[in-house]
Amino acid sequence: MLRGIVIGNVVSTRKQEALVGSKFMEVQLMEKGEKIEKYIIAVDSVGAGIGEEVLLTTGSSARLALSHENVPTDAVIVGIIDPQ
């Protein structure tokens, strides 16, 4: 799993059929609790908002995190981290 902060959303008016209705978010990745200069676009499966710290899964696990495994994605937001 990866950790990151949602920094924006991505609008895609045309997309592969299995992704219709999905919300795409731009996430700045983190390492050891600090932001790094790496970014990823992820499908949001939990209703995350801009500024929230999130957990992401990637690769084949990302496809399994959605309703079916034939979704063409390699990153999915699977959790919102509670502020401490």
PDB file of N, CA and C in Angstrom:
ATOM      1  N   MET A   1       0.832  -1.184   0.000  1.00  0.00           N
ATOM      2  CA  MET A   1       0.000   0.000   0.000  1.00  0.00           C
ATOM      3  C   MET A   1       0.872   1.241   0.000  1.00  0.00           C
ATOM      4  N   LEU A   2       0.289   2.306  -0.505  1.00  0.00           N
ATOM      5  CA  LEU A   2       0.952   3.602  -0.540  1.00  0.00           C
ATOM      6  C   LEU A   2       0.143   4.599   0.280  1.00  0.00           C
ATOM      7  N   ARG A   3       0.813   5.671   0.682  1.00  0.00           N
ATOM      8  CA  ARG A   3       0.175   6.730   1.450  1.00  0.00           C
ATOM      9  C   ARG A   3       0.338   8.024   0.663  1.00  0.00           C
ATOM     10  N   GLY A   4      -0.695   8.870   0.673  1.00  0.00           N
ATOM     11  CA  GLY A   4      -0.594  10.128  -0.053  1.00  0.00           C
ATOM     12  C   GLY A   4      -1.640  11.123   0.392  1.00  0.00           C
ATOM     13  N   ILE A   5      -1.593  12.305  -0.217  1.00  0.00           N
ATOM     14  CA  ILE A   5      -2.555  13.368   0.050  1.00  0.00           C
ATOM     15  C   ILE A   5      -3.229  13.733  -1.263  1.00  0.00           C
ATOM     16  N   VAL A   6      -4.562  13.785  -1.248  1.00  0.00           N
ATOM     17  CA  VAL A   6      -5.319  14.159  -2.439  1.00  0.00           C
ATOM     18  C   VAL A   6      -5.099  15.650  -2.688  1.00  0.00           C
ATOM     19  N   ILE A   7      -4.621  15.982  -3.894  1.00  0.00           N
ATOM     20  CA  ILE A   7      -4.349  17.385  -4.206  1.00  0.00           C
ATOM     21  C   ILE A   7      -5.265  17.932  -5.298  1.00  0.00           C
ATOM     22  N   GLY A   8      -6.068  17.085  -5.900  1.00  0.00           N
ATOM     23  CA  GLY A   8      -6.984  17.569  -6.930  1.00  0.00           C
ATOM     24  C   GLY A   8      -7.771  16.438  -7.551  1.00  0.00           C
ATOM     25  N   ASN A   9      -8.733  16.823  -8.372  1.00  0.00           N
ATOM     26  CA  ASN A   9      -9.468  15.798  -9.106  1.00  0.00           C
ATOM     27  C   ASN A   9      -9.156  15.945 -10.585  1.00  0.00           C
ATOM     28  N   VAL A  10      -9.408  14.893 -11.313  1.00  0.00           N
ATOM     29  CA  VAL A  10      -9.127  14.851 -12.744  1.00  0.00           C
ATOM     30  C   VAL A  10     -10.444  14.578 -13.452  1.00  0.00           C
ATOM     31  N   VAL A  11     -10.796  15.447 -14.387  1.00  0.00           N
ATOM     32  CA  VAL A  11     -12.049  15.296 -15.122  1.00  0.00           C
ATOM     33  C   VAL A  11     -11.767  14.583 -16.440  1.00  0.00           C
ATOM     34  N   SER A  12     -12.514  13.523 -16.683  1.00  0.00           N
ATOM     35  CA  SER A  12     -12.385  12.763 -17.921  1.00  0.00           C
ATOM     36  C   SER A  12     -13.788  12.534 -18.471  1.00  0.00           C
ATOM     37  N   THR A  13     -14.140  13.282 -19.496  1.00  0.00           N
ATOM     38  CA  THR A  13     -15.491  13.155 -20.039  1.00  0.00           C
ATOM     39  C   THR A  13     -15.663  11.901 -20.887  1.00  0.00           C
ATOM     40  N   ARG A  14     -14.559  11.355 -21.379  1.00  0.00           N
ATOM     41  CA  ARG A  14     -14.616  10.103 -22.144  1.00  0.00           C
ATOM     42  C   ARG A  14     -13.627   9.144 -21.526  1.00  0.00           C
ATOM     43  N   LYS A  15     -14.115   7.944 -21.238  1.00  0.00           N
ATOM     44  CA  LYS A  15     -13.254   6.943 -20.608  1.00  0.00           C
ATOM     45  C   LYS A  15     -13.721   5.550 -20.976  1.00  0.00           C
ATOM     46  N   GLN A  16     -12.896   4.576 -20.691  1.00  0.00           N
ATOM     47  CA  GLN A  16     -13.219   3.177 -20.954  1.00  0.00           C
ATOM     48  C   GLN A  16     -14.505   2.839 -20.199  1.00  0.00           C
ATOM     49  N   GLU A  17     -15.349   2.030 -20.810  1.00  0.00           N
ATOM     50  CA  GLU A  17     -16.689   1.751 -20.293  1.00  0.00           C
ATOM     51  C   GLU A  17     -16.710   1.300 -18.834  1.00  0.00           C
ATOM     52  N   ALA A  18     -15.775   0.466 -18.431  1.00  0.00           N
ATOM     53  CA  ALA A  18     -15.762  -0.038 -17.051  1.00  0.00           C
ATOM     54  C   ALA A  18     -15.458   1.060 -16.032  1.00  0.00           C
ATOM     55  N   LEU A  19     -14.956   2.208 -16.487  1.00  0.00           N
ATOM     56  CA  LEU A  19     -14.622   3.310 -15.581  1.00  0.00           C
ATOM     57  C   LEU A  19     -15.676   4.417 -15.549  1.00  0.00           C
ATOM     58  N   VAL A  20     -16.737   4.275 -16.339  1.00  0.00           N
ATOM     59  CA  VAL A  20     -17.799   5.281 -16.336  1.00  0.00           C
ATOM     60  C   VAL A  20     -18.381   5.370 -14.928  1.00  0.00           C
ATOM     61  N   GLY A  21     -18.512   6.581 -14.417  1.00  0.00           N
ATOM     62  CA  GLY A  21     -19.020   6.803 -13.066  1.00  0.00           C
ATOM     63  C   GLY A  21     -17.935   6.846 -12.005  1.00  0.00           C
ATOM     64  N   SER A  22     -16.712   6.524 -12.377  1.00  0.00           N
ATOM     65  CA  SER A  22     -15.602   6.553 -11.421  1.00  0.00           C
ATOM     66  C   SER A  22     -15.074   7.972 -11.278  1.00  0.00           C
ATOM     67  N   LYS A  23     -14.612   8.296 -10.071  1.00  0.00           N
ATOM     68  CA  LYS A  23     -14.012   9.597  -9.789  1.00  0.00           C
ATOM     69  C   LYS A  23     -12.499   9.417  -9.751  1.00  0.00           C
ATOM     70  N   PHE A  24     -11.782  10.254 -10.494  1.00  0.00           N
ATOM     71  CA  PHE A  24     -10.323  10.195 -10.529  1.00  0.00           C
ATOM     72  C   PHE A  24      -9.744  11.318  -9.678  1.00  0.00           C
ATOM     73  N   MET A  25      -8.745  10.988  -8.863  1.00  0.00           N
ATOM     74  CA  MET A  25      -8.113  11.965  -7.987  1.00  0.00           C
ATOM     75  C   MET A  25      -6.608  11.984  -8.241  1.00  0.00           C
ATOM     76  N   GLU A  26      -6.017  13.183  -8.153  1.00  0.00           N
ATOM     77  CA  GLU A  26      -4.566  13.306  -8.219  1.00  0.00           C
ATOM     78  C   GLU A  26      -4.041  13.262  -6.792  1.00  0.00           C
ATOM     79  N   VAL A  27      -3.073  12.395  -6.552  1.00  0.00           N
ATOM     80  CA  VAL A  27      -2.555  12.171  -5.203  1.00  0.00           C
ATOM     81  C   VAL A  27      -1.046  12.410  -5.196  1.00  0.00           C
ATOM     82  N   GLN A  28      -0.591  13.201  -4.236  1.00  0.00           N
ATOM     83  CA  GLN A  28       0.842  13.378  -4.011  1.00  0.00           C
ATOM     84  C   GLN A  28       1.267  12.319  -3.008  1.00  0.00           C
ATOM     85  N   LEU A  29       2.234  11.510  -3.376  1.00  0.00           N
ATOM     86  CA  LEU A  29       2.661  10.403  -2.527  1.00  0.00           C
ATOM     87  C   LEU A  29       3.479  10.894  -1.342  1.00  0.00           C
ATOM     88  N   MET A  30       3.541  10.035  -0.314  1.00  0.00           N
ATOM     89  CA  MET A  30       4.281  10.343   0.906  1.00  0.00           C
ATOM     90  C   MET A  30       5.199   9.177   1.242  1.00  0.00           C
ATOM     91  N   GLU A  31       6.305   9.490   1.901  1.00  0.00           N
ATOM     92  CA  GLU A  31       7.203   8.479   2.466  1.00  0.00           C
ATOM     93  C   GLU A  31       7.573   8.932   3.865  1.00  0.00           C
ATOM     94  N   LYS A  32       7.460   8.041   4.822  1.00  0.00           N
ATOM     95  CA  LYS A  32       7.800   8.344   6.216  1.00  0.00           C
ATOM     96  C   LYS A  32       7.080   9.591   6.717  1.00  0.00           C
ATOM     97  N   GLY A  33       5.818   9.749   6.306  1.00  0.00           N
ATOM     98  CA  GLY A  33       5.005  10.860   6.771  1.00  0.00           C
ATOM     99  C   GLY A  33       5.267  12.197   6.107  1.00  0.00           C
ATOM    100  N   GLU A  34       6.150  12.242   5.117  1.00  0.00           N
ATOM    101  CA  GLU A  34       6.491  13.492   4.432  1.00  0.00           C
ATOM    102  C   GLU A  34       6.107  13.400   2.954  1.00  0.00           C
ATOM    103  N   LYS A  35       5.596  14.505   2.401  1.00  0.00           N
ATOM    104  CA  LYS A  35       5.278  14.556   0.977  1.00  0.00           C
ATOM    105  C   LYS A  35       6.559  14.414   0.159  1.00  0.00           C
ATOM    106  N   ILE A  36       6.450  13.704  -0.960  1.00  0.00           N
ATOM    107  CA  ILE A  36       7.563  13.591  -1.899  1.00  0.00           C
ATOM    108  C   ILE A  36       7.095  14.086  -3.266  1.00  0.00           C
ATOM    109  N   GLU A  37       8.008  14.301  -4.165  1.00  0.00           N
ATOM    110  CA  GLU A  37       7.680  14.834  -5.490  1.00  0.00           C
ATOM    111  C   GLU A  37       7.289  13.721  -6.461  1.00  0.00           C
ATOM    112  N   LYS A  38       6.357  12.886  -6.049  1.00  0.00           N
ATOM    113  CA  LYS A  38       5.801  11.843  -6.913  1.00  0.00           C
ATOM    114  C   LYS A  38       4.288  11.955  -6.831  1.00  0.00           C
ATOM    115  N   TYR A  39       3.649  11.797  -7.981  1.00  0.00           N
ATOM    116  CA  TYR A  39       2.208  11.973  -8.072  1.00  0.00           C
ATOM    117  C   TYR A  39       1.612  10.788  -8.810  1.00  0.00           C
ATOM    118  N   ILE A  40       0.337  10.511  -8.517  1.00  0.00           N
ATOM    119  CA  ILE A  40      -0.344   9.398  -9.170  1.00  0.00           C
ATOM    120  C   ILE A  40      -1.815   9.774  -9.341  1.00  0.00           C
ATOM    121  N   ILE A  41      -2.414   9.296 -10.415  1.00  0.00           N
ATOM    122  CA  ILE A  41      -3.855   9.436 -10.607  1.00  0.00           C
ATOM    123  C   ILE A  41      -4.480   8.122 -10.160  1.00  0.00           C
ATOM    124  N   ALA A  42      -5.479   8.208  -9.276  1.00  0.00           N
ATOM    125  CA  ALA A  42      -6.092   6.999  -8.724  1.00  0.00           C
ATOM    126  C   ALA A  42      -7.610   7.087  -8.806  1.00  0.00           C
ATOM    127  N   VAL A  43      -8.245   5.941  -8.973  1.00  0.00           N
ATOM    128  CA  VAL A  43      -9.696   5.850  -8.888  1.00  0.00           C
ATOM    129  C   VAL A  43     -10.066   5.916  -7.406  1.00  0.00           C
ATOM    130  N   ASP A  44     -11.048   6.750  -7.084  1.00  0.00           N
ATOM    131  CA  ASP A  44     -11.476   6.920  -5.693  1.00  0.00           C
ATOM    132  C   ASP A  44     -12.626   5.965  -5.390  1.00  0.00           C
ATOM    133  N   SER A  45     -12.399   5.013  -4.487  1.00  0.00           N
ATOM    134  CA  SER A  45     -13.458   4.056  -4.141  1.00  0.00           C
ATOM    135  C   SER A  45     -14.094   4.351  -2.785  1.00  0.00           C
ATOM    136  N   VAL A  46     -13.656   5.434  -2.113  1.00  0.00           N
ATOM    137  CA  VAL A  46     -14.152   5.696  -0.750  1.00  0.00           C
ATOM    138  C   VAL A  46     -14.687   7.110  -0.544  1.00  0.00           C
ATOM    139  N   GLY A  47     -14.734   7.931  -1.571  1.00  0.00           N
ATOM    140  CA  GLY A  47     -15.256   9.289  -1.424  1.00  0.00           C
ATOM    141  C   GLY A  47     -14.284  10.262  -0.793  1.00  0.00           C
ATOM    142  N   ALA A  48     -13.014  10.139  -1.108  1.00  0.00           N
ATOM    143  CA  ALA A  48     -11.993  11.039  -0.556  1.00  0.00           C
ATOM    144  C   ALA A  48     -12.156  12.443  -1.128  1.00  0.00           C
ATOM    145  N   GLY A  49     -11.709  13.420  -0.349  1.00  0.00           N
ATOM    146  CA  GLY A  49     -11.771  14.809  -0.781  1.00  0.00           C
ATOM    147  C   GLY A  49     -10.386  15.423  -0.848  1.00  0.00           C
ATOM    148  N   ILE A  50     -10.310  16.573  -1.479  1.00  0.00           N
ATOM    149  CA  ILE A  50      -9.042  17.284  -1.599  1.00  0.00           C
ATOM    150  C   ILE A  50      -8.536  17.637  -0.205  1.00  0.00           C
ATOM    151  N   GLY A  51      -7.251  17.383   0.017  1.00  0.00           N
ATOM    152  CA  GLY A  51      -6.620  17.662   1.303  1.00  0.00           C
ATOM    153  C   GLY A  51      -6.594  16.485   2.254  1.00  0.00           C
ATOM    154  N   GLU A  52      -7.319  15.415   1.930  1.00  0.00           N
ATOM    155  CA  GLU A  52      -7.346  14.255   2.825  1.00  0.00           C
ATOM    156  C   GLU A  52      -6.156  13.338   2.566  1.00  0.00           C
ATOM    157  N   GLU A  53      -5.675  12.745   3.649  1.00  0.00           N
ATOM    158  CA  GLU A  53      -4.605  11.759   3.559  1.00  0.00           C
ATOM    159  C   GLU A  53      -5.254  10.405   3.298  1.00  0.00           C
ATOM    160  N   VAL A  54      -4.725   9.668   2.325  1.00  0.00           N
ATOM    161  CA  VAL A  54      -5.378   8.441   1.878  1.00  0.00           C
ATOM    162  C   VAL A  54      -4.405   7.277   1.775  1.00  0.00           C
ATOM    163  N   LEU A  55      -4.986   6.078   1.743  1.00  0.00           N
ATOM    164  CA  LEU A  55      -4.258   4.843   1.456  1.00  0.00           C
ATOM    165  C   LEU A  55      -4.601   4.426   0.036  1.00  0.00           C
ATOM    166  N   LEU A  56      -3.581   4.002  -0.704  1.00  0.00           N
ATOM    167  CA  LEU A  56      -3.789   3.547  -2.073  1.00  0.00           C
ATOM    168  C   LEU A  56      -3.254   2.137  -2.226  1.00  0.00           C
ATOM    169  N   THR A  57      -3.880   1.405  -3.112  1.00  0.00           N
ATOM    170  CA  THR A  57      -3.338   0.116  -3.514  1.00  0.00           C
ATOM    171  C   THR A  57      -3.078   0.190  -5.015  1.00  0.00           C
ATOM    172  N   THR A  58      -2.080  -0.547  -5.467  1.00  0.00           N
ATOM    173  CA  THR A  58      -1.696  -0.484  -6.874  1.00  0.00           C
ATOM    174  C   THR A  58      -1.568  -1.887  -7.457  1.00  0.00           C
ATOM    175  N   GLY A  59      -1.420  -1.938  -8.766  1.00  0.00           N
ATOM    176  CA  GLY A  59      -1.229  -3.213  -9.448  1.00  0.00           C
ATOM    177  C   GLY A  59      -2.493  -4.053  -9.477  1.00  0.00           C
ATOM    178  N   SER A  60      -2.336  -5.366  -9.449  1.00  0.00           N
ATOM    179  CA  SER A  60      -3.499  -6.254  -9.542  1.00  0.00           C
ATOM    180  C   SER A  60      -4.435  -6.084  -8.354  1.00  0.00           C
ATOM    181  N   SER A  61      -3.908  -5.689  -7.204  1.00  0.00           N
ATOM    182  CA  SER A  61      -4.760  -5.443  -6.035  1.00  0.00           C
ATOM    183  C   SER A  61      -5.719  -4.286  -6.283  1.00  0.00           C
ATOM    184  N   ALA A  62      -5.308  -3.317  -7.090  1.00  0.00           N
ATOM    185  CA  ALA A  62      -6.172  -2.177  -7.398  1.00  0.00           C
ATOM    186  C   ALA A  62      -7.406  -2.634  -8.163  1.00  0.00           C
ATOM    187  N   ARG A  63      -7.217  -3.512  -9.112  1.00  0.00           N
ATOM    188  CA  ARG A  63      -8.368  -4.015  -9.868  1.00  0.00           C
ATOM    189  C   ARG A  63      -9.316  -4.789  -8.972  1.00  0.00           C
ATOM    190  N   LEU A  64      -8.773  -5.541  -8.034  1.00  0.00           N
ATOM    191  CA  LEU A  64      -9.612  -6.324  -7.130  1.00  0.00           C
ATOM    192  C   LEU A  64     -10.356  -5.444  -6.135  1.00  0.00           C
ATOM    193  N   ALA A  65      -9.833  -4.246  -5.853  1.00  0.00           N
ATOM    194  CA  ALA A  65     -10.474  -3.340  -4.896  1.00  0.00           C
ATOM    195  C   ALA A  65     -11.780  -2.768  -5.440  1.00  0.00           C
ATOM    196  N   LEU A  66     -11.946  -2.786  -6.748  1.00  0.00           N
ATOM    197  CA  LEU A  66     -13.176  -2.285  -7.353  1.00  0.00           C
ATOM    198  C   LEU A  66     -14.174  -3.428  -7.492  1.00  0.00           C
ATOM    199  N   SER A  67     -15.319  -3.148  -8.057  1.00  0.00           N
ATOM    200  CA  SER A  67     -16.405  -4.129  -8.081  1.00  0.00           C
ATOM    201  C   SER A  67     -16.091  -5.398  -8.870  1.00  0.00           C
ATOM    202  N   HIS A  68     -15.229  -5.299  -9.854  1.00  0.00           N
ATOM    203  CA  HIS A  68     -14.829  -6.490 -10.611  1.00  0.00           C
ATOM    204  C   HIS A  68     -13.404  -6.310 -11.102  1.00  0.00           C
ATOM    205  N   GLU A  69     -12.743  -7.397 -11.408  1.00  0.00           N
ATOM    206  CA  GLU A  69     -11.316  -7.325 -11.711  1.00  0.00           C
ATOM    207  C   GLU A  69     -10.987  -6.974 -13.159  1.00  0.00           C
ATOM    208  N   ASN A  70     -11.975  -6.750 -13.996  1.00  0.00           N
ATOM    209  CA  ASN A  70     -11.694  -6.391 -15.382  1.00  0.00           C
ATOM    210  C   ASN A  70     -11.680  -4.882 -15.610  1.00  0.00           C
ATOM    211  N   VAL A  71     -11.414  -4.114 -14.563  1.00  0.00           N
ATOM    212  CA  VAL A  71     -11.328  -2.660 -14.670  1.00  0.00           C
ATOM    213  C   VAL A  71      -9.880  -2.278 -14.983  1.00  0.00           C
ATOM    214  N   PRO A  72      -9.656  -1.483 -16.029  1.00  0.00           N
ATOM    215  CA  PRO A  72      -8.289  -1.125 -16.403  1.00  0.00           C
ATOM    216  C   PRO A  72      -7.733   0.005 -15.534  1.00  0.00           C
ATOM    217  N   THR A  73      -7.299  -0.336 -14.335  1.00  0.00           N
ATOM    218  CA  THR A  73      -6.709   0.662 -13.443  1.00  0.00           C
ATOM    219  C   THR A  73      -5.511   0.064 -12.729  1.00  0.00           C
ATOM    220  N   ASP A  74      -4.578   0.922 -12.359  1.00  0.00           N
ATOM    221  CA  ASP A  74      -3.424   0.431 -11.607  1.00  0.00           C
ATOM    222  C   ASP A  74      -3.261   1.138 -10.269  1.00  0.00           C
ATOM    223  N   ALA A  75      -4.224   2.020  -9.895  1.00  0.00           N
ATOM    224  CA  ALA A  75      -4.169   2.674  -8.587  1.00  0.00           C
ATOM    225  C   ALA A  75      -5.582   3.000  -8.116  1.00  0.00           C
ATOM    226  N   VAL A  76      -5.889   2.640  -6.870  1.00  0.00           N
ATOM    227  CA  VAL A  76      -7.212   2.890  -6.292  1.00  0.00           C
ATOM    228  C   VAL A  76      -7.037   3.405  -4.867  1.00  0.00           C
ATOM    229  N   ILE A  77      -7.785   4.461  -4.534  1.00  0.00           N
ATOM    230  CA  ILE A  77      -7.835   4.934  -3.149  1.00  0.00           C
ATOM    231  C   ILE A  77      -8.764   3.992  -2.398  1.00  0.00           C
ATOM    232  N   VAL A  78      -8.234   3.346  -1.347  1.00  0.00           N
ATOM    233  CA  VAL A  78      -9.015   2.346  -0.610  1.00  0.00           C
ATOM    234  C   VAL A  78      -9.277   2.741   0.838  1.00  0.00           C
ATOM    235  N   GLY A  79      -8.737   3.866   1.279  1.00  0.00           N
ATOM    236  CA  GLY A  79      -8.971   4.288   2.656  1.00  0.00           C
ATOM    237  C   GLY A  79      -8.633   5.752   2.854  1.00  0.00           C
ATOM    238  N   ILE A  80      -9.312   6.361   3.830  1.00  0.00           N
ATOM    239  CA  ILE A  80      -9.020   7.728   4.255  1.00  0.00           C
ATOM    240  C   ILE A  80      -8.415   7.628   5.645  1.00  0.00           C
ATOM    241  N   ILE A  81      -7.238   8.208   5.827  1.00  0.00           N
ATOM    242  CA  ILE A  81      -6.546   8.134   7.114  1.00  0.00           C
ATOM    243  C   ILE A  81      -7.110   9.204   8.038  1.00  0.00           C
ATOM    244  N   ASP A  82      -7.507   8.796   9.238  1.00  0.00           N
ATOM    245  CA  ASP A  82      -8.043   9.739  10.218  1.00  0.00           C
ATOM    246  C   ASP A  82      -6.945  10.670  10.713  1.00  0.00           C
ATOM    247  N   PRO A  83      -7.264  11.976  10.848  1.00  0.00           N
ATOM    248  CA  PRO A  83      -6.265  12.895  11.405  1.00  0.00           C
ATOM    249  C   PRO A  83      -5.985  12.544  12.863  1.00  0.00           C
ATOM    250  N   GLN A  84      -4.754  12.780  13.302  1.00  0.00           N
ATOM    251  CA  GLN A  84      -4.400  12.439  14.688  1.00  0.00           C
ATOM    252  C   GLN A  84      -4.375  13.668  15.559  1.00  0.00           C
TER     253      GLN A  84
END
